Protein backbone atom coordinates (compact mmCIF):
# COMPACT_ATOMS: atom_id res chain seq x y z
CA MET A 1 8.52 61.71 -23.05
CA LEU A 2 9.05 65.43 -23.39
CA THR A 3 11.18 66.59 -26.31
CA ASN A 4 14.05 69.08 -26.22
CA LYS A 5 11.69 71.65 -27.72
CA THR A 6 9.29 71.07 -24.86
CA LEU A 7 12.16 71.49 -22.43
CA ALA A 8 12.84 74.92 -23.89
CA VAL A 9 9.19 75.82 -23.31
CA ALA A 10 9.47 74.47 -19.77
CA LEU A 11 12.37 76.76 -19.04
CA CYS A 12 10.29 79.70 -20.22
CA VAL A 13 7.54 78.65 -17.80
CA LEU A 14 9.99 79.14 -14.94
CA ILE A 15 9.78 82.90 -15.40
CA SER A 16 6.17 82.94 -14.20
CA GLY A 17 7.02 80.98 -11.02
CA CYS A 18 4.84 78.46 -9.23
CA SER A 19 5.49 78.60 -5.52
CA MET A 20 3.13 78.90 -2.56
CA PHE A 21 6.23 79.75 -0.54
CA ASP A 22 6.83 82.83 -2.71
CA LYS A 23 3.22 83.99 -2.36
CA SER A 24 3.25 83.68 1.42
CA ALA A 25 6.76 84.97 2.04
CA THR A 26 5.54 88.16 3.69
CA SER A 27 3.08 86.46 6.06
CA ALA A 28 3.99 84.89 9.37
CA PRO A 29 4.56 81.10 9.12
CA LYS A 30 1.90 78.96 10.78
CA VAL A 31 2.42 75.73 12.67
CA VAL A 32 0.39 72.91 11.09
CA ALA A 33 0.19 69.48 12.70
CA MET A 34 1.42 66.57 10.60
CA PRO A 35 -1.33 63.97 10.09
CA PRO A 36 -0.73 60.56 11.76
CA PRO A 37 1.23 58.20 9.47
CA ALA A 38 -1.69 55.76 9.42
CA VAL A 39 -3.79 58.29 7.52
CA THR A 40 -1.69 57.95 4.37
CA GLN A 41 -0.51 54.33 4.64
CA ALA A 42 -3.05 52.99 2.12
CA TRP A 43 -2.05 55.64 -0.41
CA LEU A 44 1.64 54.93 0.15
CA ASP A 45 1.09 51.20 -0.38
CA VAL A 46 -0.60 51.85 -3.72
CA TYR A 47 1.85 54.42 -5.10
CA GLU A 48 5.19 53.14 -3.83
CA PRO A 49 5.58 50.39 -6.48
CA LYS A 50 4.34 52.77 -9.20
CA VAL A 51 6.84 55.47 -8.32
CA ARG A 52 9.63 52.92 -8.06
CA GLU A 53 8.75 51.71 -11.56
CA ALA A 54 8.68 55.28 -12.91
CA ILE A 55 12.30 55.89 -11.84
CA LYS A 56 13.59 52.38 -12.51
CA GLY A 57 16.94 52.36 -14.28
CA THR A 58 17.70 56.01 -13.46
CA HIS A 59 20.16 57.60 -11.02
CA PHE A 60 17.23 58.86 -8.93
CA GLU A 61 16.96 57.61 -5.34
CA PHE A 62 13.75 56.46 -3.65
CA GLU A 63 12.78 56.60 0.02
CA ARG A 64 9.54 55.89 1.88
CA ARG A 65 9.14 57.95 5.03
CA GLU A 66 6.35 57.95 7.62
CA ASN A 67 3.69 59.61 5.46
CA LEU A 68 5.28 60.49 2.16
CA LEU A 69 7.30 59.15 -0.75
CA VAL A 70 10.56 60.95 -1.54
CA VAL A 71 12.46 60.81 -4.82
CA THR A 72 15.90 62.42 -4.72
CA ALA A 73 17.66 63.52 -7.91
CA PRO A 74 21.38 64.23 -7.47
CA VAL A 75 22.46 67.34 -9.35
CA GLN A 76 25.24 65.34 -10.95
CA GLY A 77 23.60 63.54 -13.86
CA SER A 78 20.45 65.68 -13.70
CA PHE A 79 21.76 69.13 -14.66
CA ASN A 80 24.22 70.43 -17.24
CA PRO A 81 27.57 70.99 -15.47
CA ASP A 82 28.26 74.00 -17.72
CA ARG A 83 24.79 75.51 -17.17
CA PRO A 84 23.98 74.52 -13.57
CA HIS A 85 20.26 75.40 -13.70
CA MET A 86 19.51 73.54 -16.97
CA MET A 87 18.27 69.96 -16.84
CA LEU A 88 19.77 67.20 -18.93
CA PRO A 89 17.38 65.47 -21.38
CA SER A 90 17.72 62.16 -19.50
CA THR A 91 15.96 63.76 -16.52
CA LEU A 92 12.73 64.41 -18.42
CA GLY A 93 11.58 60.78 -18.70
CA PRO A 94 11.28 59.87 -15.00
CA LEU A 95 9.79 63.27 -14.13
CA SER A 96 7.08 63.04 -16.79
CA ARG A 97 6.30 59.42 -15.81
CA MET A 98 5.81 60.43 -12.18
CA ALA A 99 3.62 63.36 -13.22
CA LYS A 100 1.39 61.10 -15.32
CA LEU A 101 0.90 58.80 -12.32
CA LEU A 102 -0.36 61.66 -10.18
CA GLU A 103 -2.27 63.96 -12.52
CA ARG A 104 -5.71 62.33 -12.04
CA ASP A 105 -5.53 61.95 -8.26
CA GLU A 106 -6.60 65.30 -6.84
CA THR A 107 -5.85 64.18 -3.27
CA ILE A 108 -2.09 64.16 -3.89
CA GLY A 109 0.24 67.12 -3.53
CA VAL A 110 3.87 67.52 -4.63
CA LEU A 111 6.54 69.48 -2.80
CA ILE A 112 9.82 70.02 -4.66
CA LEU A 113 12.86 71.19 -2.69
CA GLY A 114 16.16 72.35 -4.17
CA HIS A 115 19.38 71.94 -2.18
CA ALA A 116 22.98 73.10 -2.66
CA ASP A 117 26.29 72.55 -0.88
CA SER A 118 27.86 75.29 1.23
CA SER A 119 30.50 76.36 -1.29
CA GLY A 120 30.26 79.99 -2.34
CA GLU A 121 27.84 82.71 -1.29
CA ALA A 122 24.68 81.69 0.56
CA ASN A 123 22.20 83.78 -1.44
CA ALA A 124 23.65 82.57 -4.74
CA ASN A 125 23.32 78.96 -3.56
CA ARG A 126 19.71 79.55 -2.52
CA ASP A 127 18.85 81.14 -5.87
CA LEU A 128 20.45 78.27 -7.77
CA SER A 129 18.65 75.66 -5.69
CA GLN A 130 15.37 77.51 -6.35
CA GLN A 131 16.01 77.51 -10.11
CA ARG A 132 16.71 73.79 -10.10
CA ALA A 133 13.59 73.04 -8.08
CA ARG A 134 11.48 75.16 -10.43
CA ALA A 135 12.95 73.36 -13.44
CA PHE A 136 11.57 70.10 -12.05
CA THR A 137 8.25 71.74 -11.19
CA SER A 138 7.80 73.03 -14.73
CA ILE A 139 7.97 69.48 -16.11
CA PHE A 140 5.24 68.38 -13.71
CA ARG A 141 3.09 71.30 -14.83
CA LEU A 142 3.62 70.60 -18.51
CA SER A 143 2.68 66.98 -17.88
CA GLY A 144 -0.73 68.01 -16.57
CA LEU A 145 -0.53 68.68 -12.83
CA LYS A 146 -2.31 71.82 -11.68
CA GLN A 147 -0.27 74.60 -10.15
CA SER A 148 -2.33 74.41 -6.94
CA ARG A 149 -0.91 70.92 -6.27
CA LEU A 150 2.72 71.88 -6.82
CA MET A 151 4.84 73.69 -4.24
CA VAL A 152 8.51 74.58 -4.65
CA LYS A 153 11.27 76.01 -2.49
CA GLY A 154 15.02 76.49 -2.80
CA LEU A 155 16.73 75.83 0.53
CA GLY A 156 20.31 76.47 -0.55
CA SER A 157 22.72 74.80 1.88
CA ASP A 158 20.39 75.04 4.90
CA MET A 159 19.55 71.32 5.07
CA PRO A 160 22.62 69.23 4.17
CA ARG A 161 22.44 65.45 4.35
CA ALA A 162 26.23 65.09 4.57
CA ALA A 163 29.21 67.13 5.76
CA ASN A 164 30.51 69.62 3.20
CA ASP A 165 34.16 68.87 4.00
CA SER A 166 34.67 66.45 1.11
CA GLN A 167 33.84 66.29 -2.58
CA GLN A 168 31.59 63.29 -1.97
CA GLY A 169 29.70 65.06 0.80
CA ARG A 170 29.15 68.18 -1.30
CA ALA A 171 27.89 66.04 -4.18
CA LEU A 172 25.34 64.40 -1.86
CA ASN A 173 24.10 67.81 -0.73
CA ARG A 174 23.54 69.09 -4.28
CA ARG A 175 20.15 67.57 -5.01
CA VAL A 176 16.46 68.09 -5.76
CA GLU A 177 13.92 66.28 -3.59
CA ILE A 178 10.42 65.43 -4.85
CA MET A 179 8.02 64.76 -1.99
CA LEU A 180 4.73 63.05 -2.86
CA THR A 181 2.00 62.91 -0.24
CA SER A 182 -1.60 63.75 0.65
CA LYS A 183 -2.69 67.38 0.60
CA ALA A 184 -3.09 67.40 4.38
CA THR A 185 0.50 66.27 4.83
CA LEU A 186 1.64 68.70 2.16
CA ASN A 187 0.20 71.63 4.09
CA ALA A 188 2.15 70.53 7.17
CA LEU A 189 5.35 70.21 5.13
CA ILE A 190 4.87 73.71 3.70
CA ALA A 191 4.55 75.10 7.20
CA LYS A 192 7.63 73.16 8.32
CA TYR A 193 9.88 74.42 5.53
CA SER A 194 8.57 77.97 5.96
CA GLN A 195 9.82 78.06 9.55
CA PRO A 196 13.26 79.49 10.40
CA LEU A 197 15.95 76.89 11.04
CA PRO A 198 16.12 75.66 14.67
CA ALA A 199 18.99 77.16 16.62
CA THR A 200 20.79 73.81 16.77
CA ALA A 201 20.63 73.48 12.99
CA VAL A 202 21.95 77.00 12.51
CA VAL A 203 24.92 76.29 14.79
CA ALA A 204 25.65 72.99 13.05
CA THR A 205 25.45 74.57 9.61
CA LYS A 206 27.70 77.46 10.70
CA SER A 207 30.24 75.00 12.09
CA ILE A 208 30.35 73.10 8.81
CA LYS A 209 30.71 76.32 6.81
CA ASP A 210 33.52 77.58 9.07
CA LYS A 211 35.35 74.31 8.65
CA ASN A 212 34.95 74.50 4.87
CA ALA A 213 36.23 78.08 4.88
CA LYS A 214 39.43 77.00 6.66
CA VAL A 215 39.98 74.20 4.16
CA VAL A 216 39.47 76.56 1.22
CA ALA A 217 41.78 79.18 2.73
CA LYS A 218 44.45 76.58 3.27
CA ALA A 219 44.21 75.40 -0.31
CA ASP A 220 44.17 79.04 -1.47
CA LYS A 221 41.36 78.33 -3.94
CA PRO A 222 38.26 80.55 -4.36
CA ALA A 223 34.93 78.95 -3.49
CA ARG A 224 32.41 78.33 -6.26
CA SER A 225 28.63 78.08 -6.00
CA GLN A 226 27.24 74.65 -6.89
């Protein structure tokens, strides 16, 4: 397990960055086909029980999707509430255990996505979600994974999994997702999250934000980035 001293080093690593998204931000996004689910089923069958064991007893959530494994870390319990971009020591164990599982398998890629709720200013939320995602990525790097296998992106409040009109919903939206999959699938995911939001998603997100704004105005309380 990484020590608090190592965590301090990890936070310094964040300054250098480690994102394919950042490097390709100025180029036009490309559409990449997602490989058929059957292509990665054998890998999923092998790694699912191992990943479940790595996060056993933690507040992390596990989900198996068509061709990837997803571990979701709620911000609450993972980051210091007084320093929103700084991880709590209890988060280091499961992250380092997952990294050790993957470091020798060069066919696996890791995509780490940071998410925020819609409270506060959009750019501030996106920056904070990026910092949180990079904090997770730095632990994977320190545990031995090469930078070329790690991709990171802060999505802010663009992809909520719950409505932002309640405290519970906002807490669900503040999260970091760790996606584990084959490199072929990873390339398709990178292309997907580099694309602009679909028009329907933009309208839905705007509707949720407008509703939140009315609630905040009624309560006469300033919004705060989370």
